[in-house]
Protein backbone atom coordinates (compact mmCIF):
# COMPACT_ATOMS: atom_id res chain seq x y z
CA MET A 1 125.65 117.06 124.30
CA ASN A 2 128.16 114.32 125.13
CA GLU A 3 125.84 112.57 127.55
CA CYS A 4 122.72 114.52 126.61
CA LEU A 5 122.47 112.65 123.28
CA VAL A 6 122.51 109.30 125.06
CA GLN A 7 119.92 110.54 127.56
CA HIS A 8 117.78 111.95 124.75
CA LEU A 9 117.76 108.59 122.98
CA LYS A 10 117.11 106.75 126.25
CA SER A 11 114.01 108.90 126.80
CA ALA A 12 112.94 108.45 123.18
CA LEU A 13 113.19 104.66 123.47
CA GLU A 14 111.18 104.69 126.69
CA ALA A 15 108.49 106.76 124.97
CA THR A 16 108.26 104.64 121.81
CA GLN A 17 109.29 101.16 123.08
CA PRO A 18 110.04 99.44 119.76
CA SER A 19 110.32 95.68 119.98
CA GLN A 20 113.17 95.52 117.42
CA LEU A 21 115.62 98.25 116.46
CA ALA A 22 117.91 98.87 113.48
CA VAL A 23 119.88 101.95 112.41
CA ALA A 24 120.38 103.19 108.86
CA PHE A 25 124.16 103.58 109.06
CA SER A 26 125.84 105.47 106.21
CA GLY A 27 129.07 105.94 108.12
CA GLY A 28 128.72 109.73 108.06
CA VAL A 29 129.08 111.78 111.23
CA ASP A 30 125.34 111.99 111.96
CA SER A 31 124.53 108.29 111.71
CA SER A 32 127.81 107.45 113.46
CA ALA A 33 126.82 109.57 116.45
CA LEU A 34 123.33 108.02 116.44
CA LEU A 35 124.53 104.41 116.28
CA HIS A 36 127.30 104.93 118.81
CA ALA A 37 124.95 106.60 121.30
CA LEU A 38 122.37 103.83 120.93
CA SER A 39 125.08 101.23 121.42
CA GLN A 40 125.65 102.72 124.89
CA LEU A 41 122.08 101.89 125.93
CA PRO A 42 121.30 98.39 127.27
CA ALA A 43 117.65 98.95 126.30
CA ALA A 44 118.62 99.41 122.65
CA ARG A 45 120.75 96.27 122.68
CA ALA A 46 117.87 94.38 124.25
CA MET A 47 115.84 95.39 121.18
CA GLY A 48 118.35 93.60 118.95
CA LEU A 49 120.19 96.75 117.88
CA ARG A 50 121.76 96.27 114.45
CA ALA A 51 122.99 98.43 111.57
CA LEU A 52 122.01 98.48 107.89
CA HIS A 53 124.47 100.06 105.46
CA VAL A 54 123.44 100.73 101.84
CA ASP A 55 126.18 100.58 99.22
CA HIS A 56 124.86 102.61 96.26
CA GLY A 57 127.84 101.78 94.08
CA LEU A 58 127.92 105.39 92.83
CA HIS A 59 131.30 106.37 94.24
CA GLU A 60 134.66 104.71 93.65
CA GLU A 61 135.20 104.65 97.41
CA SER A 62 131.91 102.96 98.26
CA PRO A 63 133.56 99.55 98.90
CA SER A 64 135.93 101.17 101.40
CA TRP A 65 132.96 102.94 103.02
CA ALA A 66 131.28 99.59 103.52
CA ARG A 67 134.47 98.20 105.09
CA HIS A 68 134.63 101.24 107.38
CA CYS A 69 131.06 100.63 108.55
CA ILE A 70 131.84 96.98 109.23
CA ALA A 71 134.92 97.97 111.25
CA MET A 72 133.01 100.54 113.32
CA CYS A 73 130.17 98.13 114.03
CA THR A 74 132.65 95.43 115.00
CA SER A 75 134.36 97.75 117.47
CA TRP A 76 130.98 98.75 118.94
CA GLN A 77 129.76 95.13 118.93
CA VAL A 78 126.77 95.91 116.74
CA PRO A 79 125.75 93.47 113.97
CA VAL A 80 125.79 95.07 110.52
CA GLN A 81 124.30 94.10 107.17
CA ILE A 82 125.58 95.55 103.89
CA LEU A 83 122.90 96.17 101.27
CA HIS A 84 124.02 96.56 97.65
CA VAL A 85 121.70 98.46 95.29
CA ASP A 86 121.65 99.41 91.62
CA VAL A 87 120.68 103.04 91.14
CA ALA A 88 118.80 103.80 87.92
CA ARG A 89 120.67 106.61 86.21
CA ASP A 90 118.09 107.04 83.44
CA SER A 91 114.91 107.13 85.55
CA GLY A 92 114.33 110.82 84.90
CA LEU A 93 114.26 111.50 88.64
CA GLY A 94 117.83 112.74 88.96
CA ILE A 95 120.62 110.84 90.66
CA GLU A 96 119.74 112.10 94.17
CA ALA A 97 116.11 111.01 93.97
CA ALA A 98 116.96 107.70 92.27
CA ALA A 99 119.55 106.89 94.96
CA ARG A 100 117.08 107.81 97.69
CA ASP A 101 114.38 105.57 96.20
CA ALA A 102 116.81 102.66 95.83
CA ARG A 103 118.10 103.18 99.38
CA TYR A 104 114.69 103.17 101.03
CA ALA A 105 113.52 100.22 98.96
CA ALA A 106 116.57 98.21 100.08
CA LEU A 107 116.13 99.23 103.73
CA ALA A 108 112.43 98.35 103.69
CA HIS A 109 113.22 94.94 102.19
CA ALA A 110 115.88 94.24 104.84
CA MET A 111 113.69 95.17 107.81
CA GLN A 112 112.09 92.53 109.97
CA PRO A 113 108.30 92.63 110.47
CA GLY A 114 107.54 95.18 113.17
CA GLU A 115 111.13 96.45 113.30
CA TRP A 116 111.89 100.14 113.80
CA LEU A 117 114.57 101.72 111.63
CA ALA A 118 116.24 104.77 113.17
CA THR A 119 117.66 107.36 110.79
CA ALA A 120 119.88 110.32 111.63
CA GLN A 121 117.92 113.22 110.11
CA HIS A 122 118.19 116.14 112.51
CA GLN A 123 116.94 119.69 113.05
CA ASP A 124 119.14 121.19 110.31
CA ASP A 125 117.90 118.55 107.85
CA GLN A 126 114.35 119.43 108.82
CA ALA A 127 114.90 123.13 108.14
CA GLU A 128 116.60 122.40 104.81
CA THR A 129 113.79 120.07 103.79
CA LEU A 130 111.12 122.69 104.42
CA LEU A 131 113.01 125.30 102.40
CA LEU A 132 113.54 122.87 99.53
CA ARG A 133 109.85 122.02 99.47
CA LEU A 134 108.92 125.70 99.50
CA LEU A 135 111.11 126.15 96.44
CA ARG A 136 109.30 123.24 94.80
CA GLY A 137 105.93 124.92 95.37
CA SER A 138 104.71 122.28 97.82
CA GLY A 139 101.46 122.51 99.77
CA THR A 140 100.73 122.20 103.49
CA ALA A 141 101.03 118.44 103.69
CA ALA A 142 104.55 118.43 102.24
CA LEU A 143 105.63 121.52 104.16
CA GLY A 144 105.00 119.58 107.35
CA ALA A 145 108.36 118.13 106.29
CA MET A 146 109.72 115.02 108.00
CA ARG A 147 107.64 113.28 110.64
CA SER A 148 109.23 111.53 113.59
CA THR A 149 107.68 108.24 112.51
CA ARG A 150 106.06 106.76 109.43
CA ALA A 151 105.44 103.34 108.00
CA LEU A 152 108.26 101.71 106.02
CA GLY A 153 107.77 98.26 104.56
CA THR A 154 106.51 96.01 107.33
CA GLY A 155 108.02 98.21 110.02
CA THR A 156 108.42 101.82 111.12
CA LEU A 157 110.84 104.53 110.08
CA TRP A 158 111.92 106.49 113.17
CA ARG A 159 113.67 109.86 113.28
CA PRO A 160 114.67 110.41 116.93
CA LEU A 161 117.03 113.36 116.25
CA LEU A 162 114.70 115.99 114.76
CA SER A 163 115.18 118.22 117.80
CA ILE A 164 118.99 117.77 117.77
CA THR A 165 121.26 120.04 115.71
CA ARG A 166 124.02 119.01 113.35
CA ALA A 167 126.50 120.87 115.58
CA ASP A 168 125.36 118.86 118.61
CA LEU A 169 126.00 115.60 116.78
CA ARG A 170 129.41 116.79 115.61
CA ARG A 171 130.38 117.74 119.18
CA TYR A 172 129.30 114.30 120.39
CA ALA A 173 131.38 112.59 117.70
CA ASP A 174 134.42 114.78 118.38
CA ALA A 175 134.24 114.22 122.15
CA ARG A 176 134.21 110.44 121.59
CA ALA A 177 136.93 110.55 118.91
CA LEU A 178 134.65 108.79 116.48
CA ARG A 179 135.82 108.19 112.93
CA TRP A 180 133.41 108.82 110.08
CA ILE A 181 133.14 109.06 106.32
CA GLU A 182 133.31 112.43 104.58
CA ASP A 183 131.34 112.09 101.34
CA SER A 184 132.47 114.76 98.89
CA ALA A 185 128.97 114.79 97.40
CA ASN A 186 127.71 116.47 100.57
CA ALA A 187 129.76 119.57 99.67
CA ASN A 188 129.05 119.48 95.95
CA PRO A 189 127.03 122.60 95.00
CA GLN A 190 125.64 120.67 92.05
CA PHE A 191 123.16 119.14 94.48
CA ASP A 192 120.38 121.39 95.76
CA ARG A 193 120.66 120.40 99.39
CA SER A 194 124.43 120.77 99.43
CA TRP A 195 124.21 124.27 97.92
CA LEU A 196 121.49 125.27 100.36
CA ARG A 197 123.56 123.95 103.26
CA SER A 198 126.83 125.60 102.26
CA GLU A 199 125.59 128.90 100.78
CA VAL A 200 122.13 129.79 102.08
CA MET A 201 121.91 128.46 105.63
CA PRO A 202 125.10 130.16 106.86
CA LEU A 203 123.79 133.46 105.51
CA LEU A 204 120.42 132.97 107.24
CA THR A 205 121.94 131.98 110.57
CA SER A 206 124.37 134.92 110.48
CA ARG A 207 121.34 137.19 110.56
CA TRP A 208 118.97 134.94 112.54
CA PRO A 209 121.04 132.59 114.75
CA HIS A 210 118.01 130.47 115.59
CA ALA A 211 116.81 130.14 111.99
CA ASN A 212 117.05 126.32 111.95
CA SER A 213 115.06 126.02 115.14
CA ALA A 214 112.43 128.51 113.96
CA ILE A 215 112.04 126.85 110.55
CA SER A 216 111.77 123.42 112.16
CA GLN A 217 109.08 124.76 114.50
CA SER A 218 107.17 126.04 111.48
CA ALA A 219 107.45 122.58 109.93
CA ALA A 220 105.94 121.06 113.08
CA LEU A 221 103.06 123.56 113.05
CA LEU A 222 102.45 122.91 109.37
CA ALA A 223 102.43 119.18 110.10
CA ASP A 224 99.65 119.76 112.65
CA ASP A 225 97.73 121.82 110.09
CA GLY A 226 98.26 119.12 107.49
CA ASP A 227 96.90 116.47 109.85
CA LEU A 228 93.79 118.56 110.49
CA ILE A 229 93.22 119.13 106.77
CA ALA A 230 93.69 115.40 106.12
CA MET A 231 91.04 114.58 108.74
CA GLN A 232 88.61 117.07 107.20
CA ALA A 233 89.29 115.73 103.72
CA GLU A 234 88.73 112.14 104.87
CA CYS A 235 85.39 113.05 106.45
CA ALA A 236 84.32 114.99 103.35
CA LEU A 237 85.45 112.14 101.07
CA SER A 238 83.24 109.71 102.98
CA LEU A 239 80.24 111.93 102.13
CA CYS A 240 81.08 112.03 98.42
CA ILE A 241 82.38 108.58 97.56
CA ASN A 242 80.53 105.46 96.48
CA ARG A 243 82.82 102.71 97.74
CA THR A 244 81.14 100.06 95.56
CA ASP A 245 82.45 101.50 92.30
CA PHE A 246 84.88 104.06 93.76
CA THR A 247 83.12 107.01 92.15
CA LEU A 248 82.62 110.54 93.47
CA GLN A 249 79.18 112.13 93.45
CA THR A 250 79.54 115.49 91.74
CA LEU A 251 76.60 117.11 93.53
CA ALA A 252 78.12 116.25 96.91
CA LEU A 253 81.49 117.56 95.71
CA LEU A 254 79.98 120.85 94.57
CA ASN A 255 78.44 121.33 98.01
CA LEU A 256 81.96 121.60 99.42
CA GLY A 257 84.10 124.71 99.38
CA ALA A 258 86.60 124.88 96.53
CA ALA A 259 89.64 124.37 98.80
CA LEU A 260 88.17 121.33 100.58
CA ARG A 261 86.94 119.94 97.26
CA ALA A 262 90.51 120.03 95.92
CA HIS A 263 91.77 118.09 98.96
CA VAL A 264 88.98 115.52 98.56
CA ILE A 265 89.84 114.94 94.90
CA ARG A 266 93.53 114.63 95.76
CA ARG A 267 92.75 112.09 98.49
CA TRP A 268 90.44 110.12 96.20
CA LEU A 269 93.09 109.96 93.49
CA GLY A 270 95.72 109.02 96.06
CA GLU A 271 93.62 106.10 97.27
CA ALA A 272 93.27 104.99 93.65
CA GLY A 273 97.07 104.91 93.35
CA ALA A 274 97.31 107.85 90.95
CA GLU A 275 100.31 110.14 90.92
CA PRO A 276 99.98 113.46 92.82
CA ILE A 277 97.93 115.75 90.61
CA PRO A 278 99.31 119.19 89.67
CA ARG A 279 97.31 122.22 90.73
CA HIS A 280 96.59 123.33 87.16
CA LEU A 281 94.93 119.97 86.44
CA LEU A 282 92.68 120.42 89.47
CA ALA A 283 91.53 123.63 87.81
CA THR A 284 90.92 121.65 84.60
CA ILE A 285 88.81 119.14 86.52
CA GLU A 286 86.81 122.02 87.97
CA SER A 287 86.11 123.55 84.57
CA THR A 288 85.81 120.39 82.48
CA LEU A 289 84.24 117.82 84.80
CA LEU A 290 82.45 119.84 87.46
CA GLY A 291 80.84 122.46 85.26
CA GLU A 292 77.39 122.18 83.77
CA PRO A 293 76.54 118.51 83.00
CA THR A 294 76.26 117.46 79.36
CA ASP A 295 75.09 114.36 77.54
CA THR A 296 78.65 113.52 76.49
CA VAL A 297 81.37 111.88 78.57
CA ALA A 298 83.95 114.47 79.67
CA GLU A 299 87.44 113.36 80.66
CA VAL A 300 90.81 114.56 81.94
CA ARG A 301 93.95 112.49 81.40
CA TYR A 302 97.18 112.67 83.39
CA GLY A 303 99.91 110.24 84.33
CA ARG A 304 98.58 106.71 84.27
CA VAL A 305 94.92 107.55 84.78
CA ILE A 306 91.83 108.95 83.15
CA ILE A 307 89.22 110.85 85.16
CA ARG A 308 85.77 110.92 83.56
CA ARG A 309 82.35 112.33 84.41
CA PHE A 310 79.20 110.36 83.58
CA ARG A 311 75.71 110.86 85.03
CA ASP A 312 76.84 113.10 87.91
CA ARG A 313 79.72 110.85 88.98
CA LEU A 314 83.47 111.05 88.60
CA TYR A 315 85.32 107.88 87.66
CA VAL A 316 89.08 107.24 87.86
CA GLU A 317 90.54 104.37 85.88
CA PRO A 318 93.90 103.31 84.44
CA ALA A 319 94.71 104.67 81.02
CA VAL A 320 94.75 101.37 79.12
CA PRO A 321 95.41 100.98 75.39
CA ALA A 322 92.51 100.71 72.94
CA LEU A 323 91.17 97.20 72.56
CA ASP A 324 91.26 95.04 69.45
CA ARG A 325 87.54 94.73 68.81
CA GLU A 326 88.12 91.57 66.74
CA TRP A 327 89.80 89.72 69.63
CA SER A 328 88.33 86.36 70.68
CA ALA A 329 89.63 83.34 72.54
CA GLU A 330 88.74 79.72 73.15
CA TRP A 331 88.34 78.97 76.87
CA ASP A 332 87.96 75.69 78.71
CA GLY A 333 86.66 77.46 81.84
CA GLN A 334 89.04 75.42 83.99
CA GLN A 335 91.76 78.06 84.36
CA ALA A 336 91.54 81.82 84.75
CA LEU A 337 91.50 83.64 81.41
CA THR A 338 93.57 86.84 81.21
CA LEU A 339 91.90 89.41 78.96
CA PRO A 340 93.76 91.80 76.62
CA ASP A 341 93.09 94.79 78.89
CA GLY A 342 94.54 93.05 81.96
CA GLY A 343 91.19 91.91 83.34
CA GLU A 344 90.49 88.30 84.23
CA LEU A 345 87.65 85.78 83.94
CA THR A 346 87.22 82.75 86.19
CA ILE A 347 84.45 80.23 86.87
CA VAL A 348 84.02 78.83 90.36
CA PRO A 349 83.94 76.32 91.88
CA ILE A 350 84.70 74.31 88.69
CA TRP A 351 83.35 74.49 85.16
CA THR A 352 81.90 71.28 83.74
CA GLY A 353 79.97 72.64 80.81
CA GLY A 354 82.42 72.17 77.95
CA PRO A 355 84.35 74.58 75.67
CA LEU A 356 83.57 78.30 75.69
CA GLN A 357 84.45 81.32 73.59
CA VAL A 358 85.13 84.83 74.85
CA SER A 359 84.94 88.01 72.78
CA TYR A 360 84.06 91.70 72.95
CA ARG A 361 80.90 93.31 71.63
CA GLN A 362 80.55 93.67 67.91
CA GLY A 363 76.97 94.95 67.89
CA GLY A 364 73.62 93.22 67.61
CA GLU A 365 74.19 90.68 70.41
CA ARG A 366 71.12 89.39 72.28
CA ILE A 367 70.71 87.35 75.46
CA ARG A 368 67.76 85.48 77.01
CA LEU A 369 67.40 86.34 80.70
CA PRO A 370 66.08 83.98 83.38
CA GLY A 371 62.29 83.96 83.48
CA ARG A 372 61.97 85.53 80.03
CA SER A 373 60.82 83.88 76.83
CA HIS A 374 62.40 86.38 74.44
CA ARG A 375 65.91 87.70 73.95
CA HIS A 376 67.04 91.15 74.98
CA SER A 377 69.40 93.48 73.20
CA VAL A 378 72.75 93.60 75.01
CA LYS A 379 73.09 97.25 73.98
CA ASN A 380 69.79 98.18 75.61
CA LEU A 381 70.52 96.17 78.76
CA LEU A 382 73.82 97.94 79.26
CA GLN A 383 72.33 101.37 78.63
CA GLU A 384 69.55 100.73 81.13
CA SER A 385 72.02 99.43 83.72
CA GLY A 386 73.82 102.78 83.95
CA ILE A 387 77.20 101.27 83.08
CA PRO A 388 79.40 104.05 81.62
CA PRO A 389 79.80 103.87 77.84
CA TRP A 390 83.59 103.35 77.86
CA GLN A 391 83.18 100.37 80.19
CA ARG A 392 80.46 98.72 78.09
CA SER A 393 82.81 98.15 75.18
CA ARG A 394 85.30 96.38 77.46
CA LEU A 395 82.90 93.85 78.96
CA PRO A 396 83.85 90.30 77.95
CA LEU A 397 81.06 88.20 76.44
CA VAL A 398 81.07 84.46 77.21
CA TRP A 399 79.60 82.23 74.52
CA GLN A 400 78.90 78.54 73.98
CA GLY A 401 78.38 78.05 70.30
CA ASP A 402 75.86 80.68 69.21
CA GLU A 403 74.40 81.06 72.72
CA LEU A 404 75.48 84.10 74.78
CA LEU A 405 75.86 82.77 78.33
CA ALA A 406 77.08 85.85 80.18
CA ILE A 407 78.11 89.48 79.99
CA ALA A 408 81.16 89.47 82.28
CA ASP A 409 79.70 88.64 85.71
CA LEU A 410 77.03 91.33 85.42
CA VAL A 411 74.39 89.39 83.46
CA VAL A 412 73.96 85.62 83.05
CA SER A 413 71.58 83.93 80.65
CA ALA A 414 68.64 81.69 81.42
CA ARG A 415 70.53 78.76 79.92
CA PHE A 416 73.50 79.30 82.21
CA VAL A 417 71.19 79.34 85.23
CA GLU A 418 69.30 76.26 84.06
CA LEU A 419 72.44 74.23 83.37
CA HIS A 420 74.16 75.04 86.62
CA ALA A 421 71.44 75.62 89.17
CA THR A 422 72.52 72.52 91.11
CA THR A 423 76.31 72.96 90.87
CA GLY A 424 76.30 76.64 91.76
CA GLU A 425 78.89 77.51 89.14
CA ARG A 426 79.31 81.24 88.64
CA ILE A 427 81.42 83.51 86.51
CA GLN A 428 83.72 86.07 88.14
CA TRP A 429 85.15 89.03 86.26
CA ARG A 430 88.06 91.04 87.63
CA SER A 431 88.21 94.27 85.68
CA PRO A 432 91.47 96.18 85.11
CA ARG A 433 89.89 99.09 87.04
CA HIS A 434 89.43 96.87 90.09
CA ALA A 435 92.99 95.56 89.85
CA PHE A 436 94.31 99.12 89.60
CA GLN A 437 92.53 100.27 92.76
CA THR A 438 93.32 97.26 94.92
CA THR A 439 97.01 97.03 94.06
CA GLN A 440 97.86 100.73 94.06
CA SER A 441 96.01 102.02 97.14
CA GLY A 442 95.85 101.20 100.85
CA PRO A 443 98.51 101.19 103.53
CA ASN A 444 101.45 101.16 101.14
CA ALA A 445 100.89 104.66 99.96
CA PRO A 446 103.85 106.49 98.45
CA ALA A 447 106.23 107.53 101.19
CA GLU A 448 106.92 111.16 101.86
CA PRO A 449 109.89 112.44 99.84
CA GLN A 450 113.27 112.45 101.49
CA PHE A 451 116.15 114.79 100.70
CA ALA A 452 118.87 113.44 103.00
CA PRO A 453 122.31 113.25 101.39
CA THR A 454 124.05 109.92 100.90
CA SER A 455 126.14 110.18 104.06
CA SER A 456 124.71 111.63 107.25
């Protein structure tokens, strides 16, 4: 593997052709072998090869580890950047997970747009990851374990060593007389991965010498299966979702098989930015929200969201505190008005009509619509519109004196239209539901979990 590792990375670079290249360099034997081998390749240097070292500040020797990394990079003529992070010890995630989250956040922030970040996870790590996820009761998508590439920040996380064993990397490092950091945490049985590595894997490989390779192959096959399921779920979601209000049509959902329906609901919630939903809550959604329809609003709460059924649709919204029904505010219409529930009102292009007041419904409100001579009950208008009951109570009402000018941006009065027909002024309402969906979903979906130890 002395020269094979260099050749392997040369072929990997030719296949991927990143424009910029960095290495996550802990100073452990694995990342040392990776960075040293890449430093031997002119193609890698032409991509601006550099190292990023994260100092977690969790170990008394971490300053000396950072100095070691600087010394190694200096001897290999590779630029290095030291990233200092504060690991939350009271996050409830455990110190391993909190350190991992802090590490990847720091690395993502330090990456250049379009840059590829190579990490040293290898075949043994892959096998350990699959076993750990099995023990956590993970499904197919997670059991696909670590992918060779995924998005990270504005760049790409790259794992070029997933077919290389830990022993191969150690032989490369020994043959080159490399110096590396030995983190005692990697042998601490208090940590799940360390215990699995020191106690379980040797026992497995004593019986099945190719266990790591076989488990890694299973991970690759499961990744293929996960990709296929994701494609099916995406297609099925497109048949069930109303993109205008981000609702799911229950009749379309019920036409799917139970297994596919569960994947569609998971994908829908993921796009909304909700936390991964436990399996038992999917069963609750089935029984509570997808059973026989009733006249009442049914709901399931978990994490930061509420899932409700109303008129054969499922809604997902942030779980916001109850509103103060007596709230009201003076508003000049010149600046955006932030509402108590996190929503926002604006008037564009510019309001010239004088002072306004904003409040929530108290009951009995009426509004005169364009082309009508009489006033309509706001309650009846909202019922006829099909707006879900829990949303009706959160609609801001815009007043001028005793005249109701608008119900959010859904209904405007005849007076508002008459006064501003020439200026084109219009009210815009940004609901907290809209803010939740647009800020929590999209390309920055939660990254797959990582279980790599601090030094690799």
